[in-house]
PDB file of N, CA and C in Angstrom:
ATOM      1  N   UNK A   1     -15.433  -0.099 -13.157  1.00  0.00           N
ATOM      2  CA  UNK A   1     -13.995   0.021 -13.168  1.00  0.00           C
ATOM      3  C   UNK A   1     -13.591   0.866 -14.383  1.00  0.00           C
ATOM      4  N   UNK A   2     -12.473   1.577 -14.303  1.00  0.00           N
ATOM      5  CA  UNK A   2     -12.029   2.406 -15.414  1.00  0.00           C
ATOM      6  C   UNK A   2     -11.740   1.576 -16.659  1.00  0.00           C
ATOM      7  N   UNK A   3     -11.683   2.236 -17.801  1.00  0.00           N
ATOM      8  CA  UNK A   3     -11.402   1.524 -19.047  1.00  0.00           C
ATOM      9  C   UNK A   3      -9.960   1.035 -19.065  1.00  0.00           C
ATOM     10  N   UNK A   4      -9.681   0.158 -20.015  1.00  0.00           N
ATOM     11  CA  UNK A   4      -8.349  -0.436 -20.140  1.00  0.00           C
ATOM     12  C   UNK A   4      -7.302   0.657 -20.269  1.00  0.00           C
ATOM     13  N   UNK A   5      -6.174   0.453 -19.594  1.00  0.00           N
ATOM     14  CA  UNK A   5      -5.077   1.401 -19.665  1.00  0.00           C
ATOM     15  C   UNK A   5      -5.093   2.431 -18.551  1.00  0.00           C
ATOM     16  N   UNK A   6      -6.172   2.507 -17.818  1.00  0.00           N
ATOM     17  CA  UNK A   6      -6.237   3.453 -16.713  1.00  0.00           C
ATOM     18  C   UNK A   6      -5.961   2.719 -15.412  1.00  0.00           C
ATOM     19  N   UNK A   7      -5.360   3.437 -14.487  1.00  0.00           N
ATOM     20  CA  UNK A   7      -5.110   2.853 -13.170  1.00  0.00           C
ATOM     21  C   UNK A   7      -6.433   2.668 -12.437  1.00  0.00           C
ATOM     22  N   UNK A   8      -6.513   1.597 -11.680  1.00  0.00           N
ATOM     23  CA  UNK A   8      -7.679   1.356 -10.848  1.00  0.00           C
ATOM     24  C   UNK A   8      -7.375   1.913  -9.470  1.00  0.00           C
ATOM     25  N   UNK A   9      -8.197   2.828  -9.043  1.00  0.00           N
ATOM     26  CA  UNK A   9      -8.019   3.419  -7.717  1.00  0.00           C
ATOM     27  C   UNK A   9      -8.585   2.485  -6.658  1.00  0.00           C
ATOM     28  N   UNK A  10      -8.098   2.599  -5.435  1.00  0.00           N
ATOM     29  CA  UNK A  10      -8.654   1.776  -4.354  1.00  0.00           C
ATOM     30  C   UNK A  10     -10.170   1.907  -4.245  1.00  0.00           C
ATOM     31  N   UNK A  11     -10.695   3.113  -4.423  1.00  0.00           N
ATOM     32  CA  UNK A  11     -12.146   3.306  -4.340  1.00  0.00           C
ATOM     33  C   UNK A  11     -12.875   2.573  -5.465  1.00  0.00           C
ATOM     34  N   UNK A  12     -12.252   2.449  -6.646  1.00  0.00           N
ATOM     35  CA  UNK A  12     -12.849   1.693  -7.758  1.00  0.00           C
ATOM     36  C   UNK A  12     -12.940   0.210  -7.391  1.00  0.00           C
ATOM     37  N   UNK A  13     -11.867  -0.301  -6.816  1.00  0.00           N
ATOM     38  CA  UNK A  13     -11.836  -1.709  -6.424  1.00  0.00           C
ATOM     39  C   UNK A  13     -12.887  -1.981  -5.360  1.00  0.00           C
ATOM     40  N   UNK A  14     -12.984  -1.119  -4.359  1.00  0.00           N
ATOM     41  CA  UNK A  14     -13.973  -1.269  -3.288  1.00  0.00           C
ATOM     42  C   UNK A  14     -15.387  -1.209  -3.863  1.00  0.00           C
ATOM     43  N   UNK A  15     -15.626  -0.267  -4.783  1.00  0.00           N
ATOM     44  CA  UNK A  15     -16.947  -0.141  -5.403  1.00  0.00           C
ATOM     45  C   UNK A  15     -17.289  -1.412  -6.188  1.00  0.00           C
ATOM     46  N   UNK A  16     -16.313  -1.967  -6.918  1.00  0.00           N
ATOM     47  CA  UNK A  16     -16.537  -3.208  -7.658  1.00  0.00           C
ATOM     48  C   UNK A  16     -17.010  -4.303  -6.704  1.00  0.00           C
ATOM     49  N   UNK A  17     -16.301  -4.463  -5.594  1.00  0.00           N
ATOM     50  CA  UNK A  17     -16.649  -5.501  -4.622  1.00  0.00           C
ATOM     51  C   UNK A  17     -18.034  -5.277  -4.041  1.00  0.00           C
ATOM     52  N   UNK A  18     -18.319  -4.063  -3.668  1.00  0.00           N
ATOM     53  CA  UNK A  18     -19.614  -3.763  -3.057  1.00  0.00           C
ATOM     54  C   UNK A  18     -20.750  -3.882  -4.064  1.00  0.00           C
ATOM     55  N   UNK A  19     -20.510  -3.469  -5.298  1.00  0.00           N
ATOM     56  CA  UNK A  19     -21.540  -3.599  -6.336  1.00  0.00           C
ATOM     57  C   UNK A  19     -21.928  -5.057  -6.549  1.00  0.00           C
ATOM     58  N   UNK A  20     -20.951  -5.961  -6.405  1.00  0.00           N
ATOM     59  CA  UNK A  20     -21.233  -7.391  -6.542  1.00  0.00           C
ATOM     60  C   UNK A  20     -21.706  -8.014  -5.234  1.00  0.00           C
ATOM     61  N   UNK A  21     -21.838  -7.168  -4.200  1.00  0.00           N
ATOM     62  CA  UNK A  21     -22.303  -7.608  -2.883  1.00  0.00           C
ATOM     63  C   UNK A  21     -21.427  -8.730  -2.311  1.00  0.00           C
ATOM     64  N   UNK A  22     -20.124  -8.551  -2.460  1.00  0.00           N
ATOM     65  CA  UNK A  22     -19.150  -9.516  -1.948  1.00  0.00           C
ATOM     66  C   UNK A  22     -18.488  -8.970  -0.692  1.00  0.00           C
ATOM     67  N   UNK A  23     -18.306  -9.837   0.279  1.00  0.00           N
ATOM     68  CA  UNK A  23     -17.474  -9.471   1.423  1.00  0.00           C
ATOM     69  C   UNK A  23     -16.026  -9.472   0.950  1.00  0.00           C
ATOM     70  N   UNK A  24     -15.134  -8.961   1.769  1.00  0.00           N
ATOM     71  CA  UNK A  24     -13.720  -9.007   1.403  1.00  0.00           C
ATOM     72  C   UNK A  24     -13.262 -10.449   1.230  1.00  0.00           C
ATOM     73  N   UNK A  25     -13.721 -11.346   2.089  1.00  0.00           N
ATOM     74  CA  UNK A  25     -13.334 -12.753   1.984  1.00  0.00           C
ATOM     75  C   UNK A  25     -13.895 -13.385   0.720  1.00  0.00           C
ATOM     76  N   UNK A  26     -15.144 -13.077   0.384  1.00  0.00           N
ATOM     77  CA  UNK A  26     -15.743 -13.630  -0.835  1.00  0.00           C
ATOM     78  C   UNK A  26     -15.021 -13.120  -2.084  1.00  0.00           C
ATOM     79  N   UNK A  27     -14.659 -11.843  -2.073  1.00  0.00           N
ATOM     80  CA  UNK A  27     -13.907 -11.292  -3.206  1.00  0.00           C
ATOM     81  C   UNK A  27     -12.548 -11.966  -3.309  1.00  0.00           C
ATOM     82  N   UNK A  28     -11.896 -12.166  -2.183  1.00  0.00           N
ATOM     83  CA  UNK A  28     -10.595 -12.838  -2.182  1.00  0.00           C
ATOM     84  C   UNK A  28     -10.720 -14.257  -2.733  1.00  0.00           C
ATOM     85  N   UNK A  29     -11.720 -14.980  -2.295  1.00  0.00           N
ATOM     86  CA  UNK A  29     -11.932 -16.348  -2.777  1.00  0.00           C
ATOM     87  C   UNK A  29     -12.190 -16.355  -4.283  1.00  0.00           C
ATOM     88  N   UNK A  30     -13.030 -15.446  -4.756  1.00  0.00           N
ATOM     89  CA  UNK A  30     -13.367 -15.384  -6.178  1.00  0.00           C
ATOM     90  C   UNK A  30     -12.154 -15.042  -7.037  1.00  0.00           C
ATOM     91  N   UNK A  31     -11.247 -14.232  -6.492  1.00  0.00           N
ATOM     92  CA  UNK A  31     -10.060 -13.798  -7.236  1.00  0.00           C
ATOM     93  C   UNK A  31      -8.843 -14.684  -6.988  1.00  0.00           C
ATOM     94  N   UNK A  32      -8.969 -15.641  -6.074  1.00  0.00           N
ATOM     95  CA  UNK A  32      -7.833 -16.506  -5.752  1.00  0.00           C
ATOM     96  C   UNK A  32      -6.764 -15.802  -4.948  1.00  0.00           C
ATOM     97  N   UNK A  33      -7.205 -14.883  -4.088  1.00  0.00           N
ATOM     98  CA  UNK A  33      -6.286 -14.081  -3.274  1.00  0.00           C
ATOM     99  C   UNK A  33      -6.553 -14.314  -1.794  1.00  0.00           C
ATOM    100  N   UNK A  34      -5.669 -13.814  -0.969  1.00  0.00           N
ATOM    101  CA  UNK A  34      -5.889 -13.779   0.480  1.00  0.00           C
ATOM    102  C   UNK A  34      -6.715 -12.525   0.789  1.00  0.00           C
ATOM    103  N   UNK A  35      -7.525 -12.605   1.845  1.00  0.00           N
ATOM    104  CA  UNK A  35      -8.356 -11.458   2.232  1.00  0.00           C
ATOM    105  C   UNK A  35      -7.492 -10.226   2.491  1.00  0.00           C
ATOM    106  N   UNK A  36      -6.332 -10.427   3.048  1.00  0.00           N
ATOM    107  CA  UNK A  36      -5.442  -9.304   3.359  1.00  0.00           C
ATOM    108  C   UNK A  36      -5.045  -8.544   2.083  1.00  0.00           C
ATOM    109  N   UNK A  37      -4.860  -9.254   0.978  1.00  0.00           N
ATOM    110  CA  UNK A  37      -4.500  -8.604  -0.282  1.00  0.00           C
ATOM    111  C   UNK A  37      -5.657  -7.726  -0.762  1.00  0.00           C
ATOM    112  N   UNK A  38      -6.877  -8.208  -0.612  1.00  0.00           N
ATOM    113  CA  UNK A  38      -8.045  -7.392  -0.960  1.00  0.00           C
ATOM    114  C   UNK A  38      -8.040  -6.122  -0.107  1.00  0.00           C
ATOM    115  N   UNK A  39      -7.713  -6.256   1.152  1.00  0.00           N
ATOM    116  CA  UNK A  39      -7.642  -5.084   2.026  1.00  0.00           C
ATOM    117  C   UNK A  39      -6.577  -4.105   1.541  1.00  0.00           C
ATOM    118  N   UNK A  40      -5.421  -4.611   1.108  1.00  0.00           N
ATOM    119  CA  UNK A  40      -4.372  -3.737   0.581  1.00  0.00           C
ATOM    120  C   UNK A  40      -4.864  -2.999  -0.659  1.00  0.00           C
ATOM    121  N   UNK A  41      -5.530  -3.713  -1.562  1.00  0.00           N
ATOM    122  CA  UNK A  41      -6.043  -3.092  -2.786  1.00  0.00           C
ATOM    123  C   UNK A  41      -7.054  -2.001  -2.455  1.00  0.00           C
ATOM    124  N   UNK A  42      -7.904  -2.244  -1.461  1.00  0.00           N
ATOM    125  CA  UNK A  42      -8.910  -1.253  -1.090  1.00  0.00           C
ATOM    126  C   UNK A  42      -8.290  -0.057  -0.377  1.00  0.00           C
ATOM    127  N   UNK A  43      -7.228  -0.284   0.328  1.00  0.00           N
ATOM    128  CA  UNK A  43      -6.543   0.807   1.031  1.00  0.00           C
ATOM    129  C   UNK A  43      -5.578   1.541   0.099  1.00  0.00           C
ATOM    130  N   UNK A  44      -5.050   0.802  -0.889  1.00  0.00           N
ATOM    131  CA  UNK A  44      -4.108   1.400  -1.835  1.00  0.00           C
ATOM    132  C   UNK A  44      -2.677   1.415  -1.348  1.00  0.00           C
ATOM    133  N   UNK A  45      -2.437   0.755  -0.245  1.00  0.00           N
ATOM    134  CA  UNK A  45      -1.068   0.711   0.292  1.00  0.00           C
ATOM    135  C   UNK A  45      -0.887  -0.495   1.197  1.00  0.00           C
ATOM    136  N   UNK A  46       0.384  -0.831   1.384  1.00  0.00           N
ATOM    137  CA  UNK A  46       0.776  -1.870   2.330  1.00  0.00           C
ATOM    138  C   UNK A  46       2.022  -1.369   3.055  1.00  0.00           C
ATOM    139  N   UNK A  47       1.935  -1.267   4.344  1.00  0.00           N
ATOM    140  CA  UNK A  47       3.044  -0.781   5.167  1.00  0.00           C
ATOM    141  C   UNK A  47       3.561   0.558   4.661  1.00  0.00           C
ATOM    142  N   UNK A  48       2.632   1.422   4.262  1.00  0.00           N
ATOM    143  CA  UNK A  48       2.997   2.765   3.809  1.00  0.00           C
ATOM    144  C   UNK A  48       3.465   2.859   2.369  1.00  0.00           C
ATOM    145  N   UNK A  49       3.580   1.727   1.692  1.00  0.00           N
ATOM    146  CA  UNK A  49       4.018   1.707   0.293  1.00  0.00           C
ATOM    147  C   UNK A  49       2.804   1.518  -0.616  1.00  0.00           C
ATOM    148  N   UNK A  50       2.765   2.226  -1.743  1.00  0.00           N
ATOM    149  CA  UNK A  50       1.630   2.079  -2.665  1.00  0.00           C
ATOM    150  C   UNK A  50       1.528   0.654  -3.207  1.00  0.00           C
ATOM    151  N   UNK A  51       0.294   0.208  -3.389  1.00  0.00           N
ATOM    152  CA  UNK A  51       0.022  -1.119  -3.941  1.00  0.00           C
ATOM    153  C   UNK A  51      -0.723  -0.932  -5.258  1.00  0.00           C
ATOM    154  N   UNK A  52      -0.197  -1.535  -6.313  1.00  0.00           N
ATOM    155  CA  UNK A  52      -0.849  -1.490  -7.619  1.00  0.00           C
ATOM    156  C   UNK A  52      -1.632  -2.779  -7.817  1.00  0.00           C
ATOM    157  N   UNK A  53      -2.823  -2.661  -8.372  1.00  0.00           N
ATOM    158  CA  UNK A  53      -3.626  -3.839  -8.665  1.00  0.00           C
ATOM    159  C   UNK A  53      -3.154  -4.396  -9.997  1.00  0.00           C
ATOM    160  N   UNK A  54      -2.645  -5.644 -10.003  1.00  0.00           N
ATOM    161  CA  UNK A  54      -2.104  -6.213 -11.235  1.00  0.00           C
ATOM    162  C   UNK A  54      -3.163  -6.352 -12.329  1.00  0.00           C
ATOM    163  N   UNK A  55      -2.711  -6.331 -13.565  1.00  0.00           N
ATOM    164  CA  UNK A  55      -3.610  -6.436 -14.711  1.00  0.00           C
ATOM    165  C   UNK A  55      -4.446  -7.709 -14.647  1.00  0.00           C
ATOM    166  N   UNK A  56      -3.849  -8.830 -14.255  1.00  0.00           N
ATOM    167  CA  UNK A  56      -4.592 -10.093 -14.167  1.00  0.00           C
ATOM    168  C   UNK A  56      -5.762  -9.974 -13.189  1.00  0.00           C
ATOM    169  N   UNK A  57      -5.559  -9.269 -12.088  1.00  0.00           N
ATOM    170  CA  UNK A  57      -6.628  -9.084 -11.107  1.00  0.00           C
ATOM    171  C   UNK A  57      -7.683  -8.138 -11.674  1.00  0.00           C
ATOM    172  N   UNK A  58      -7.253  -7.077 -12.358  1.00  0.00           N
ATOM    173  CA  UNK A  58      -8.220  -6.160 -12.978  1.00  0.00           C
ATOM    174  C   UNK A  58      -9.089  -6.899 -13.990  1.00  0.00           C
ATOM    175  N   UNK A  59      -8.474  -7.754 -14.794  1.00  0.00           N
ATOM    176  CA  UNK A  59      -9.233  -8.525 -15.781  1.00  0.00           C
ATOM    177  C   UNK A  59     -10.175  -9.517 -15.105  1.00  0.00           C
ATOM    178  N   UNK A  60      -9.725 -10.129 -14.017  1.00  0.00           N
ATOM    179  CA  UNK A  60     -10.578 -11.049 -13.276  1.00  0.00           C
ATOM    180  C   UNK A  60     -11.773 -10.317 -12.678  1.00  0.00           C
ATOM    181  N   UNK A  61     -11.561  -9.114 -12.190  1.00  0.00           N
ATOM    182  CA  UNK A  61     -12.667  -8.306 -11.659  1.00  0.00           C
ATOM    183  C   UNK A  61     -13.698  -8.052 -12.754  1.00  0.00           C
ATOM    184  N   UNK A  62     -13.223  -7.718 -13.941  1.00  0.00           N
ATOM    185  CA  UNK A  62     -14.122  -7.465 -15.067  1.00  0.00           C
ATOM    186  C   UNK A  62     -14.908  -8.736 -15.407  1.00  0.00           C
ATOM    187  N   UNK A  63     -14.217  -9.875 -15.481  1.00  0.00           N
ATOM    188  CA  UNK A  63     -14.886 -11.130 -15.808  1.00  0.00           C
ATOM    189  C   UNK A  63     -15.971 -11.451 -14.780  1.00  0.00           C
ATOM    190  N   UNK A  64     -15.659 -11.313 -13.504  1.00  0.00           N
ATOM    191  CA  UNK A  64     -16.643 -11.588 -12.459  1.00  0.00           C
ATOM    192  C   UNK A  64     -17.838 -10.654 -12.567  1.00  0.00           C
ATOM    193  N   UNK A  65     -17.582  -9.392 -12.884  1.00  0.00           N
ATOM    194  CA  UNK A  65     -18.667  -8.430 -13.041  1.00  0.00           C
ATOM    195  C   UNK A  65     -19.570  -8.796 -14.221  1.00  0.00           C
ATOM    196  N   UNK A  66     -19.019  -9.527 -15.203  1.00  0.00           N
ATOM    197  CA  UNK A  66     -19.789  -9.966 -16.370  1.00  0.00           C
ATOM    198  C   UNK A  66     -20.434 -11.335 -16.151  1.00  0.00           C
ATOM    199  N   UNK A  67     -20.244 -11.922 -14.962  1.00  0.00           N
ATOM    200  CA  UNK A  67     -20.839 -13.208 -14.648  1.00  0.00           C
ATOM    201  C   UNK A  67     -19.995 -14.397 -15.068  1.00  0.00           C
ATOM    202  N   UNK A  68     -18.733 -14.162 -15.376  1.00  0.00           N
ATOM    203  CA  UNK A  68     -17.824 -15.237 -15.765  1.00  0.00           C
ATOM    204  C   UNK A  68     -17.007 -15.628 -14.535  1.00  0.00           C
ATOM    205  N   UNK A  69     -17.187 -16.855 -14.087  1.00  0.00           N
ATOM    206  CA  UNK A  69     -16.554 -17.273 -12.848  1.00  0.00           C
ATOM    207  C   UNK A  69     -15.364 -18.203 -13.045  1.00  0.00           C
ATOM    208  N   UNK A  70     -15.211 -18.723 -14.269  1.00  0.00           N
ATOM    209  CA  UNK A  70     -14.069 -19.584 -14.550  1.00  0.00           C
ATOM    210  C   UNK A  70     -13.894 -19.656 -16.054  1.00  0.00           C
ATOM    211  N   UNK A  71     -12.697 -20.048 -16.482  1.00  0.00           N
ATOM    212  CA  UNK A  71     -12.401 -20.190 -17.891  1.00  0.00           C
ATOM    213  C   UNK A  71     -11.827 -21.572 -18.126  1.00  0.00           C
ATOM    214  N   UNK A  72     -12.430 -22.298 -19.055  1.00  0.00           N
ATOM    215  CA  UNK A  72     -12.011 -23.677 -19.317  1.00  0.00           C
ATOM    216  C   UNK A  72     -11.383 -23.838 -20.694  1.00  0.00           C
ATOM    217  N   UNK A  73     -10.905 -22.760 -21.272  1.00  0.00           N
ATOM    218  CA  UNK A  73     -10.265 -22.832 -22.585  1.00  0.00           C
ATOM    219  C   UNK A  73     -11.258 -22.587 -23.705  1.00  0.00           C
ATOM    220  N   UNK A  74     -10.740 -22.552 -24.928  1.00  0.00           N
ATOM    221  CA  UNK A  74     -11.618 -22.292 -26.075  1.00  0.00           C
ATOM    222  C   UNK A  74     -12.608 -23.433 -26.271  1.00  0.00           C
ATOM    223  N   UNK A  75     -13.756 -23.072 -26.794  1.00  0.00           N
ATOM    224  CA  UNK A  75     -14.772 -24.096 -27.092  1.00  0.00           C
ATOM    225  C   UNK A  75     -14.362 -24.840 -28.352  1.00  0.00           C
ATOM    226  N   UNK A  76     -14.676 -26.104 -28.392  1.00  0.00           N
ATOM    227  CA  UNK A  76     -14.339 -26.926 -29.565  1.00  0.00           C
ATOM    228  C   UNK A  76     -15.185 -26.563 -30.768  1.00  0.00           C
TER     229      UNK A  76
END
């Protein structure tokens, strides 16, 4: 995925999912999204309107790529 501050293109999002060998449904489950939203992100549009991937989703993609599947707060 591009560095911080750069827009994530639909092809970047699709590559992220495929690199992790996730189906669209598995990616949606991992990100807490509906499969249809993953499809919108990969297509880059919904009903002809551009779709931007929110920062929270971009950060979640990065965390998953690093093997972080959940966050339970700071360690004591």
